[in-house]
PDB file of N, CA and C in Angstrom:
ATOM      1  N   UNK A   1       0.764  -1.173  -0.060  1.00  0.00           N
ATOM      2  CA  UNK A   1      -0.106   0.066  -0.045  1.00  0.00           C
ATOM      3  C   UNK A   1       0.926   1.240   0.066  1.00  0.00           C
ATOM      4  N   UNK A   2       2.005   1.229   0.624  1.00  0.00           N
ATOM      5  CA  UNK A   2       2.936   2.409   0.647  1.00  0.00           C
ATOM      6  C   UNK A   2       3.535   2.738  -0.729  1.00  0.00           C
ATOM      7  N   UNK A   3       3.710   1.693  -1.438  1.00  0.00           N
ATOM      8  CA  UNK A   3       4.418   1.961  -2.759  1.00  0.00           C
ATOM      9  C   UNK A   3       3.569   2.788  -3.718  1.00  0.00           C
ATOM     10  N   UNK A   4       2.225   2.551  -3.898  1.00  0.00           N
ATOM     11  CA  UNK A   4       1.429   3.309  -4.772  1.00  0.00           C
ATOM     12  C   UNK A   4       1.413   4.857  -4.324  1.00  0.00           C
ATOM     13  N   UNK A   5       1.591   5.133  -3.019  1.00  0.00           N
ATOM     14  CA  UNK A   5       1.446   6.550  -2.487  1.00  0.00           C
ATOM     15  C   UNK A   5       2.763   7.178  -2.932  1.00  0.00           C
ATOM     16  N   UNK A   6       3.813   6.508  -2.546  1.00  0.00           N
ATOM     17  CA  UNK A   6       5.217   7.018  -2.976  1.00  0.00           C
ATOM     18  C   UNK A   6       5.247   7.268  -4.416  1.00  0.00           C
ATOM     19  N   UNK A   7       4.848   6.365  -5.237  1.00  0.00           N
ATOM     20  CA  UNK A   7       4.866   6.515  -6.713  1.00  0.00           C
ATOM     21  C   UNK A   7       3.921   7.670  -7.092  1.00  0.00           C
ATOM     22  N   UNK A   8       2.858   7.744  -6.544  1.00  0.00           N
ATOM     23  CA  UNK A   8       1.893   8.869  -6.854  1.00  0.00           C
ATOM     24  C   UNK A   8       2.430  10.275  -6.594  1.00  0.00           C
ATOM     25  N   UNK A   9       3.228  10.180  -5.450  1.00  0.00           N
ATOM     26  CA  UNK A   9       3.939  11.475  -4.994  1.00  0.00           C
ATOM     27  C   UNK A   9       4.978  11.896  -5.972  1.00  0.00           C
ATOM     28  N   UNK A  10       5.795  10.869  -6.412  1.00  0.00           N
ATOM     29  CA  UNK A  10       6.942  11.333  -7.370  1.00  0.00           C
ATOM     30  C   UNK A  10       6.379  11.648  -8.753  1.00  0.00           C
ATOM     31  N   UNK A  11       5.165  11.034  -9.029  1.00  0.00           N
ATOM     32  CA  UNK A  11       4.438  11.490 -10.414  1.00  0.00           C
ATOM     33  C   UNK A  11       3.820  13.008 -10.217  1.00  0.00           C
ATOM     34  N   UNK A  12       3.395  13.304  -9.086  1.00  0.00           N
ATOM     35  CA  UNK A  12       2.952  14.541  -8.887  1.00  0.00           C
ATOM     36  C   UNK A  12       4.109  15.685  -8.771  1.00  0.00           C
ATOM     37  N   UNK A  13       5.034  15.305  -8.180  1.00  0.00           N
ATOM     38  CA  UNK A  13       6.286  16.096  -8.289  1.00  0.00           C
ATOM     39  C   UNK A  13       6.883  16.465  -9.577  1.00  0.00           C
ATOM     40  N   UNK A  14       6.867  15.190 -10.423  1.00  0.00           N
ATOM     41  CA  UNK A  14       7.497  15.374 -11.794  1.00  0.00           C
ATOM     42  C   UNK A  14       6.594  16.365 -12.627  1.00  0.00           C
ATOM     43  N   UNK A  15       5.239  16.118 -12.316  1.00  0.00           N
ATOM     44  CA  UNK A  15       4.255  16.910 -13.181  1.00  0.00           C
ATOM     45  C   UNK A  15       4.489  18.476 -12.769  1.00  0.00           C
ATOM     46  N   UNK A  16       4.679  18.820 -11.563  1.00  0.00           N
ATOM     47  CA  UNK A  16       4.868  20.157 -11.134  1.00  0.00           C
ATOM     48  C   UNK A  16       6.063  20.718 -11.602  1.00  0.00           C
ATOM     49  N   UNK A  17       7.119  20.008 -11.583  1.00  0.00           N
ATOM     50  CA  UNK A  17       8.496  20.450 -12.116  1.00  0.00           C
ATOM     51  C   UNK A  17       8.340  20.662 -13.616  1.00  0.00           C
ATOM     52  N   UNK A  18       7.608  19.767 -14.263  1.00  0.00           N
ATOM     53  CA  UNK A  18       7.696  19.924 -15.862  1.00  0.00           C
ATOM     54  C   UNK A  18       6.651  21.122 -16.147  1.00  0.00           C
ATOM     55  N   UNK A  19       5.591  21.181 -15.345  1.00  0.00           N
ATOM     56  CA  UNK A  19       4.640  22.407 -15.544  1.00  0.00           C
ATOM     57  C   UNK A  19       5.311  23.775 -15.283  1.00  0.00           C
ATOM     58  N   UNK A  20       6.173  23.905 -14.239  1.00  0.00           N
ATOM     59  CA  UNK A  20       6.899  25.109 -13.962  1.00  0.00           C
ATOM     60  C   UNK A  20       7.957  25.403 -15.005  1.00  0.00           C
ATOM     61  N   UNK A  21       8.595  24.301 -15.471  1.00  0.00           N
ATOM     62  CA  UNK A  21       9.690  24.549 -16.549  1.00  0.00           C
ATOM     63  C   UNK A  21       8.927  24.943 -17.834  1.00  0.00           C
ATOM     64  N   UNK A  22       7.835  24.548 -17.990  1.00  0.00           N
ATOM     65  CA  UNK A  22       7.080  24.838 -19.365  1.00  0.00           C
ATOM     66  C   UNK A  22       6.565  26.330 -19.353  1.00  0.00           C
ATOM     67  N   UNK A  23       6.570  27.081 -18.273  1.00  0.00           N
ATOM     68  CA  UNK A  23       6.072  28.395 -18.269  1.00  0.00           C
ATOM     69  C   UNK A  23       4.934  28.693 -17.279  1.00  0.00           C
ATOM     70  N   UNK A  24       4.523  27.374 -16.754  1.00  0.00           N
ATOM     71  CA  UNK A  24       3.556  27.606 -15.566  1.00  0.00           C
ATOM     72  C   UNK A  24       2.005  27.682 -16.158  1.00  0.00           C
ATOM     73  N   UNK A  25       1.835  28.345 -17.223  1.00  0.00           N
ATOM     74  CA  UNK A  25       0.447  28.370 -17.685  1.00  0.00           C
ATOM     75  C   UNK A  25       0.342  27.882 -19.199  1.00  0.00           C
ATOM     76  N   UNK A  26      -0.783  27.391 -19.700  1.00  0.00           N
ATOM     77  CA  UNK A  26      -0.840  26.998 -21.077  1.00  0.00           C
ATOM     78  C   UNK A  26      -0.910  28.146 -22.088  1.00  0.00           C
ATOM     79  N   UNK A  27      -1.336  29.338 -21.554  1.00  0.00           N
ATOM     80  CA  UNK A  27      -1.350  30.476 -22.514  1.00  0.00           C
ATOM     81  C   UNK A  27      -0.140  31.380 -22.540  1.00  0.00           C
ATOM     82  N   UNK A  28       0.969  30.604 -22.370  1.00  0.00           N
ATOM     83  CA  UNK A  28       2.393  31.269 -22.594  1.00  0.00           C
ATOM     84  C   UNK A  28       3.043  31.478 -21.292  1.00  0.00           C
ATOM     85  N   UNK A  29       2.401  31.576 -20.081  1.00  0.00           N
ATOM     86  CA  UNK A  29       3.004  31.617 -18.878  1.00  0.00           C
ATOM     87  C   UNK A  29       4.034  32.695 -18.629  1.00  0.00           C
ATOM     88  N   UNK A  30       4.693  32.729 -17.471  1.00  0.00           N
ATOM     89  CA  UNK A  30       5.636  33.754 -17.340  1.00  0.00           C
ATOM     90  C   UNK A  30       6.947  33.157 -17.332  1.00  0.00           C
ATOM     91  N   UNK A  31       7.899  33.475 -18.166  1.00  0.00           N
ATOM     92  CA  UNK A  31       9.146  32.944 -18.178  1.00  0.00           C
ATOM     93  C   UNK A  31      10.123  33.998 -17.701  1.00  0.00           C
ATOM     94  N   UNK A  32      11.280  33.546 -17.273  1.00  0.00           N
ATOM     95  CA  UNK A  32      12.342  34.204 -16.767  1.00  0.00           C
ATOM     96  C   UNK A  32      13.020  35.075 -18.043  1.00  0.00           C
ATOM     97  N   UNK A  33      13.543  36.086 -17.717  1.00  0.00           N
ATOM     98  CA  UNK A  33      14.181  37.008 -18.885  1.00  0.00           C
ATOM     99  C   UNK A  33      15.472  36.285 -19.066  1.00  0.00           C
ATOM    100  N   UNK A  34      16.017  36.238 -20.283  1.00  0.00           N
ATOM    101  CA  UNK A  34      17.103  35.605 -20.810  1.00  0.00           C
ATOM    102  C   UNK A  34      18.180  36.846 -20.766  1.00  0.00           C
ATOM    103  N   UNK A  35      19.100  36.839 -19.904  1.00  0.00           N
ATOM    104  CA  UNK A  35      20.023  37.798 -19.788  1.00  0.00           C
ATOM    105  C   UNK A  35      20.930  37.964 -21.022  1.00  0.00           C
ATOM    106  N   UNK A  36      20.937  37.053 -21.793  1.00  0.00           N
ATOM    107  CA  UNK A  36      21.941  37.120 -23.040  1.00  0.00           C
ATOM    108  C   UNK A  36      21.415  37.904 -24.182  1.00  0.00           C
ATOM    109  N   UNK A  37      20.071  38.063 -24.039  1.00  0.00           N
ATOM    110  CA  UNK A  37      19.490  38.929 -25.266  1.00  0.00           C
ATOM    111  C   UNK A  37      19.417  40.468 -24.748  1.00  0.00           C
ATOM    112  N   UNK A  38      19.847  41.376 -25.624  1.00  0.00           N
ATOM    113  CA  UNK A  38      19.771  42.877 -25.307  1.00  0.00           C
ATOM    114  C   UNK A  38      18.428  43.351 -25.066  1.00  0.00           C
ATOM    115  N   UNK A  39      18.322  44.266 -24.168  1.00  0.00           N
ATOM    116  CA  UNK A  39      17.101  44.846 -23.769  1.00  0.00           C
ATOM    117  C   UNK A  39      17.226  46.361 -23.789  1.00  0.00           C
ATOM    118  N   UNK A  40      16.330  47.059 -24.293  1.00  0.00           N
ATOM    119  CA  UNK A  40      16.401  48.536 -24.380  1.00  0.00           C
ATOM    120  C   UNK A  40      16.095  49.060 -22.993  1.00  0.00           C
ATOM    121  N   UNK A  41      15.475  48.204 -22.144  1.00  0.00           N
ATOM    122  CA  UNK A  41      15.216  48.811 -20.736  1.00  0.00           C
ATOM    123  C   UNK A  41      16.549  48.736 -19.882  1.00  0.00           C
ATOM    124  N   UNK A  42      17.426  47.866 -20.176  1.00  0.00           N
ATOM    125  CA  UNK A  42      18.539  47.532 -19.415  1.00  0.00           C
ATOM    126  C   UNK A  42      19.805  48.279 -20.010  1.00  0.00           C
ATOM    127  N   UNK A  43      19.628  48.837 -21.196  1.00  0.00           N
ATOM    128  CA  UNK A  43      20.935  49.456 -21.850  1.00  0.00           C
ATOM    129  C   UNK A  43      21.193  50.831 -21.346  1.00  0.00           C
ATOM    130  N   UNK A  44      22.339  51.080 -20.887  1.00  0.00           N
ATOM    131  CA  UNK A  44      22.794  52.346 -20.303  1.00  0.00           C
ATOM    132  C   UNK A  44      23.583  53.080 -21.377  1.00  0.00           C
ATOM    133  N   UNK A  45      23.503  54.239 -21.435  1.00  0.00           N
ATOM    134  CA  UNK A  45      24.198  55.040 -22.237  1.00  0.00           C
ATOM    135  C   UNK A  45      25.573  55.459 -21.571  1.00  0.00           C
ATOM    136  N   UNK A  46      26.541  55.943 -22.407  1.00  0.00           N
ATOM    137  CA  UNK A  46      27.759  56.217 -21.959  1.00  0.00           C
ATOM    138  C   UNK A  46      27.681  57.743 -21.522  1.00  0.00           C
ATOM    139  N   UNK A  47      27.635  57.962 -20.330  1.00  0.00           N
ATOM    140  CA  UNK A  47      27.189  59.252 -19.735  1.00  0.00           C
ATOM    141  C   UNK A  47      28.495  60.211 -19.840  1.00  0.00           C
ATOM    142  N   UNK A  48      29.673  59.713 -19.600  1.00  0.00           N
ATOM    143  CA  UNK A  48      30.921  60.459 -19.781  1.00  0.00           C
ATOM    144  C   UNK A  48      31.176  61.162 -21.284  1.00  0.00           C
ATOM    145  N   UNK A  49      30.833  60.210 -22.163  1.00  0.00           N
ATOM    146  CA  UNK A  49      30.952  60.640 -23.620  1.00  0.00           C
ATOM    147  C   UNK A  49      29.784  61.601 -24.044  1.00  0.00           C
ATOM    148  N   UNK A  50      28.590  61.317 -23.539  1.00  0.00           N
ATOM    149  CA  UNK A  50      27.433  62.150 -23.864  1.00  0.00           C
ATOM    150  C   UNK A  50      27.661  63.584 -23.269  1.00  0.00           C
ATOM    151  N   UNK A  51      28.005  63.697 -22.007  1.00  0.00           N
ATOM    152  CA  UNK A  51      28.215  64.827 -21.291  1.00  0.00           C
ATOM    153  C   UNK A  51      29.301  65.609 -21.835  1.00  0.00           C
ATOM    154  N   UNK A  52      30.443  65.082 -22.304  1.00  0.00           N
ATOM    155  CA  UNK A  52      31.494  65.730 -22.912  1.00  0.00           C
ATOM    156  C   UNK A  52      31.134  66.374 -24.273  1.00  0.00           C
ATOM    157  N   UNK A  53      30.211  65.665 -24.855  1.00  0.00           N
ATOM    158  CA  UNK A  53      29.765  66.210 -26.054  1.00  0.00           C
ATOM    159  C   UNK A  53      28.727  67.352 -25.876  1.00  0.00           C
ATOM    160  N   UNK A  54      27.930  67.218 -24.882  1.00  0.00           N
ATOM    161  CA  UNK A  54      26.898  68.205 -24.445  1.00  0.00           C
ATOM    162  C   UNK A  54      27.447  69.503 -23.968  1.00  0.00           C
ATOM    163  N   UNK A  55      28.669  69.294 -23.315  1.00  0.00           N
ATOM    164  CA  UNK A  55      29.367  70.436 -22.544  1.00  0.00           C
ATOM    165  C   UNK A  55      30.591  70.909 -23.178  1.00  0.00           C
ATOM    166  N   UNK A  56      30.796  70.613 -24.510  1.00  0.00           N
ATOM    167  CA  UNK A  56      32.072  70.990 -25.123  1.00  0.00           C
ATOM    168  C   UNK A  56      32.198  72.533 -25.365  1.00  0.00           C
ATOM    169  N   UNK A  57      31.096  73.273 -25.505  1.00  0.00           N
ATOM    170  CA  UNK A  57      31.108  74.653 -25.745  1.00  0.00           C
ATOM    171  C   UNK A  57      30.783  75.471 -24.512  1.00  0.00           C
ATOM    172  N   UNK A  58      30.607  74.813 -23.296  1.00  0.00           N
ATOM    173  CA  UNK A  58      30.357  75.535 -22.147  1.00  0.00           C
ATOM    174  C   UNK A  58      31.574  76.299 -21.605  1.00  0.00           C
ATOM    175  N   UNK A  59      31.378  77.476 -21.054  1.00  0.00           N
ATOM    176  CA  UNK A  59      32.505  78.275 -20.558  1.00  0.00           C
ATOM    177  C   UNK A  59      32.977  77.623 -19.252  1.00  0.00           C
ATOM    178  N   UNK A  60      32.094  76.808 -18.591  1.00  0.00           N
ATOM    179  CA  UNK A  60      32.626  76.146 -17.317  1.00  0.00           C
ATOM    180  C   UNK A  60      32.292  74.570 -17.477  1.00  0.00           C
ATOM    181  N   UNK A  61      33.206  74.023 -18.196  1.00  0.00           N
ATOM    182  CA  UNK A  61      33.047  72.598 -18.652  1.00  0.00           C
ATOM    183  C   UNK A  61      32.944  71.615 -17.445  1.00  0.00           C
ATOM    184  N   UNK A  62      33.778  71.767 -16.375  1.00  0.00           N
ATOM    185  CA  UNK A  62      33.821  70.825 -15.297  1.00  0.00           C
ATOM    186  C   UNK A  62      32.561  70.865 -14.437  1.00  0.00           C
ATOM    187  N   UNK A  63      31.821  72.076 -14.271  1.00  0.00           N
ATOM    188  CA  UNK A  63      30.650  72.242 -13.720  1.00  0.00           C
ATOM    189  C   UNK A  63      29.534  71.615 -14.637  1.00  0.00           C
ATOM    190  N   UNK A  64      29.447  72.013 -15.865  1.00  0.00           N
ATOM    191  CA  UNK A  64      28.610  71.482 -16.766  1.00  0.00           C
ATOM    192  C   UNK A  64      28.597  69.929 -16.884  1.00  0.00           C
ATOM    193  N   UNK A  65      29.823  69.354 -16.807  1.00  0.00           N
ATOM    194  CA  UNK A  65      29.879  67.796 -16.892  1.00  0.00           C
ATOM    195  C   UNK A  65      29.443  67.188 -15.705  1.00  0.00           C
ATOM    196  N   UNK A  66      29.671  67.863 -14.540  1.00  0.00           N
ATOM    197  CA  UNK A  66      29.327  67.141 -13.284  1.00  0.00           C
ATOM    198  C   UNK A  66      27.638  67.289 -13.153  1.00  0.00           C
ATOM    199  N   UNK A  67      27.118  68.279 -13.488  1.00  0.00           N
ATOM    200  CA  UNK A  67      25.677  68.490 -13.422  1.00  0.00           C
ATOM    201  C   UNK A  67      25.112  67.437 -14.569  1.00  0.00           C
ATOM    202  N   UNK A  68      25.567  67.609 -15.647  1.00  0.00           N
ATOM    203  CA  UNK A  68      25.147  66.548 -16.642  1.00  0.00           C
ATOM    204  C   UNK A  68      25.242  65.148 -16.426  1.00  0.00           C
ATOM    205  N   UNK A  69      26.333  64.872 -15.751  1.00  0.00           N
ATOM    206  CA  UNK A  69      26.516  63.526 -15.319  1.00  0.00           C
ATOM    207  C   UNK A  69      25.533  62.946 -14.406  1.00  0.00           C
ATOM    208  N   UNK A  70      25.129  63.804 -13.480  1.00  0.00           N
ATOM    209  CA  UNK A  70      24.069  63.460 -12.481  1.00  0.00           C
ATOM    210  C   UNK A  70      22.894  63.308 -13.126  1.00  0.00           C
ATOM    211  N   UNK A  71      22.477  64.168 -13.946  1.00  0.00           N
ATOM    212  CA  UNK A  71      21.329  64.132 -14.758  1.00  0.00           C
ATOM    213  C   UNK A  71      21.203  62.855 -15.673  1.00  0.00           C
ATOM    214  N   UNK A  72      22.415  62.643 -16.197  1.00  0.00           N
ATOM    215  CA  UNK A  72      22.471  61.428 -17.044  1.00  0.00           C
ATOM    216  C   UNK A  72      22.255  60.055 -16.421  1.00  0.00           C
ATOM    217  N   UNK A  73      22.974  59.948 -15.354  1.00  0.00           N
ATOM    218  CA  UNK A  73      22.809  58.702 -14.440  1.00  0.00           C
ATOM    219  C   UNK A  73      21.474  58.574 -13.984  1.00  0.00           C
ATOM    220  N   UNK A  74      20.678  59.556 -13.477  1.00  0.00           N
ATOM    221  CA  UNK A  74      19.402  59.419 -13.022  1.00  0.00           C
ATOM    222  C   UNK A  74      18.419  59.182 -14.025  1.00  0.00           C
ATOM    223  N   UNK A  75      18.536  59.791 -15.382  1.00  0.00           N
ATOM    224  CA  UNK A  75      17.537  59.754 -16.400  1.00  0.00           C
ATOM    225  C   UNK A  75      17.934  58.857 -17.516  1.00  0.00           C
ATOM    226  N   UNK A  76      19.162  58.477 -17.698  1.00  0.00           N
ATOM    227  CA  UNK A  76      19.701  57.505 -18.675  1.00  0.00           C
ATOM    228  C   UNK A  76      19.353  58.298 -20.042  1.00  0.00           C
ATOM    229  N   UNK A  77      19.631  59.525 -20.080  1.00  0.00           N
ATOM    230  CA  UNK A  77      19.166  60.261 -21.266  1.00  0.00           C
ATOM    231  C   UNK A  77      20.016  61.765 -21.269  1.00  0.00           C
ATOM    232  N   UNK A  78      20.543  62.081 -22.450  1.00  0.00           N
ATOM    233  CA  UNK A  78      21.193  63.347 -22.593  1.00  0.00           C
ATOM    234  C   UNK A  78      20.593  63.977 -23.765  1.00  0.00           C
ATOM    235  N   UNK A  79      19.968  65.068 -23.813  1.00  0.00           N
ATOM    236  CA  UNK A  79      19.454  65.728 -25.194  1.00  0.00           C
ATOM    237  C   UNK A  79      20.615  65.841 -26.244  1.00  0.00           C
ATOM    238  N   UNK A  80      20.161  65.867 -27.438  1.00  0.00           N
ATOM    239  CA  UNK A  80      21.199  66.078 -28.532  1.00  0.00           C
ATOM    240  C   UNK A  80      21.643  67.539 -28.734  1.00  0.00           C
ATOM    241  N   UNK A  81      22.886  67.835 -29.171  1.00  0.00           N
ATOM    242  CA  UNK A  81      23.285  69.097 -29.297  1.00  0.00           C
ATOM    243  C   UNK A  81      23.928  69.498 -28.100  1.00  0.00           C
ATOM    244  N   UNK A  82      24.548  70.785 -28.173  1.00  0.00           N
ATOM    245  CA  UNK A  82      25.330  71.381 -27.052  1.00  0.00           C
ATOM    246  C   UNK A  82      24.418  72.153 -26.042  1.00  0.00           C
ATOM    247  N   UNK A  83      23.357  72.603 -26.543  1.00  0.00           N
ATOM    248  CA  UNK A  83      22.314  73.375 -25.771  1.00  0.00           C
ATOM    249  C   UNK A  83      20.891  72.982 -26.328  1.00  0.00           C
ATOM    250  N   UNK A  84      19.869  73.343 -25.461  1.00  0.00           N
ATOM    251  CA  UNK A  84      18.485  73.140 -25.731  1.00  0.00           C
ATOM    252  C   UNK A  84      17.938  71.689 -26.013  1.00  0.00           C
ATOM    253  N   UNK A  85      16.951  71.604 -26.757  1.00  0.00           N
ATOM    254  CA  UNK A  85      16.427  70.280 -26.963  1.00  0.00           C
ATOM    255  C   UNK A  85      16.074  69.459 -25.691  1.00  0.00           C
ATOM    256  N   UNK A  86      15.845  70.154 -24.578  1.00  0.00           N
ATOM    257  CA  UNK A  86      15.681  69.571 -23.299  1.00  0.00           C
ATOM    258  C   UNK A  86      14.310  68.702 -23.280  1.00  0.00           C
ATOM    259  N   UNK A  87      13.427  69.086 -24.077  1.00  0.00           N
ATOM    260  CA  UNK A  87      12.089  68.440 -24.216  1.00  0.00           C
ATOM    261  C   UNK A  87      12.163  67.124 -24.705  1.00  0.00           C
ATOM    262  N   UNK A  88      13.223  66.743 -25.362  1.00  0.00           N
ATOM    263  CA  UNK A  88      13.428  65.355 -25.748  1.00  0.00           C
ATOM    264  C   UNK A  88      13.807  64.391 -24.746  1.00  0.00           C
ATOM    265  N   UNK A  89      14.256  64.883 -23.630  1.00  0.00           N
ATOM    266  CA  UNK A  89      14.444  64.030 -22.283  1.00  0.00           C
ATOM    267  C   UNK A  89      13.688  64.694 -21.198  1.00  0.00           C
ATOM    268  N   UNK A  90      12.240  64.228 -21.022  1.00  0.00           N
ATOM    269  CA  UNK A  90      11.447  64.996 -19.989  1.00  0.00           C
ATOM    270  C   UNK A  90      12.126  64.846 -18.703  1.00  0.00           C
ATOM    271  N   UNK A  91      12.624  63.728 -18.196  1.00  0.00           N
ATOM    272  CA  UNK A  91      13.239  63.633 -16.932  1.00  0.00           C
ATOM    273  C   UNK A  91      14.515  64.631 -16.715  1.00  0.00           C
ATOM    274  N   UNK A  92      15.210  64.714 -17.779  1.00  0.00           N
ATOM    275  CA  UNK A  92      16.369  65.662 -17.792  1.00  0.00           C
ATOM    276  C   UNK A  92      15.922  67.138 -17.775  1.00  0.00           C
ATOM    277  N   UNK A  93      14.750  67.304 -18.461  1.00  0.00           N
ATOM    278  CA  UNK A  93      14.150  68.705 -18.447  1.00  0.00           C
ATOM    279  C   UNK A  93      13.473  69.265 -17.152  1.00  0.00           C
ATOM    280  N   UNK A  94      13.037  68.172 -16.368  1.00  0.00           N
ATOM    281  CA  UNK A  94      12.244  68.547 -15.325  1.00  0.00           C
ATOM    282  C   UNK A  94      13.069  68.448 -13.914  1.00  0.00           C
ATOM    283  N   UNK A  95      14.062  68.093 -13.925  1.00  0.00           N
ATOM    284  CA  UNK A  95      15.049  68.087 -12.763  1.00  0.00           C
ATOM    285  C   UNK A  95      15.465  69.344 -12.363  1.00  0.00           C
ATOM    286  N   UNK A  96      15.190  69.843 -11.116  1.00  0.00           N
ATOM    287  CA  UNK A  96      15.592  71.131 -10.482  1.00  0.00           C
ATOM    288  C   UNK A  96      16.434  71.123  -9.322  1.00  0.00           C
ATOM    289  N   UNK A  97      17.178  72.204  -9.094  1.00  0.00           N
ATOM    290  CA  UNK A  97      18.101  72.268  -7.966  1.00  0.00           C
ATOM    291  C   UNK A  97      16.988  72.525  -6.648  1.00  0.00           C
ATOM    292  N   UNK A  98      17.726  72.645  -5.465  1.00  0.00           N
ATOM    293  CA  UNK A  98      16.871  72.967  -4.342  1.00  0.00           C
ATOM    294  C   UNK A  98      16.334  74.442  -4.334  1.00  0.00           C
ATOM    295  N   UNK A  99      16.959  75.336  -4.993  1.00  0.00           N
ATOM    296  CA  UNK A  99      16.575  76.614  -5.386  1.00  0.00           C
ATOM    297  C   UNK A  99      15.478  76.818  -6.485  1.00  0.00           C
ATOM    298  N   UNK A 100      15.075  75.621  -7.087  1.00  0.00           N
ATOM    299  CA  UNK A 100      14.084  75.638  -8.117  1.00  0.00           C
ATOM    300  C   UNK A 100      14.484  75.871  -9.454  1.00  0.00           C
ATOM    301  N   UNK A 101      15.916  76.137  -9.642  1.00  0.00           N
ATOM    302  CA  UNK A 101      16.407  76.395 -11.068  1.00  0.00           C
ATOM    303  C   UNK A 101      16.785  75.093 -11.720  1.00  0.00           C
ATOM    304  N   UNK A 102      16.841  75.001 -12.961  1.00  0.00           N
ATOM    305  CA  UNK A 102      17.096  73.799 -13.804  1.00  0.00           C
ATOM    306  C   UNK A 102      18.408  73.159 -13.378  1.00  0.00           C
ATOM    307  N   UNK A 103      18.500  72.006 -13.110  1.00  0.00           N
ATOM    308  CA  UNK A 103      19.691  71.415 -12.700  1.00  0.00           C
ATOM    309  C   UNK A 103      20.500  71.046 -13.924  1.00  0.00           C
ATOM    310  N   UNK A 104      19.909  70.405 -14.966  1.00  0.00           N
ATOM    311  CA  UNK A 104      20.639  69.907 -16.005  1.00  0.00           C
ATOM    312  C   UNK A 104      20.886  70.892 -17.092  1.00  0.00           C
ATOM    313  N   UNK A 105      22.351  70.939 -17.660  1.00  0.00           N
ATOM    314  CA  UNK A 105      22.661  71.866 -18.614  1.00  0.00           C
ATOM    315  C   UNK A 105      22.077  71.482 -20.014  1.00  0.00           C
TER     316      UNK A 105
END
């Protein structure tokens, strides 16, 4: 009598493992993200390079690069060009200092 219960337990365990390995649901299920495939959400831009480009015409390049670097790390975006175009990066555009001035150059 103990053999059929143990056998039934192993069958149920195997079914659960196969079911989870197959995605969990018949309509696609939730699968783990494959880290070998590129993802636009995980891609980070080169903040040093982008801020150097953005601040190349600034009269205070060190200050500009420091502020731009902070904004770039937080927003993962730097507007094109050396000035303006902030509307293309809303996070970059809306960041302010404690005094209420725009933080990002």
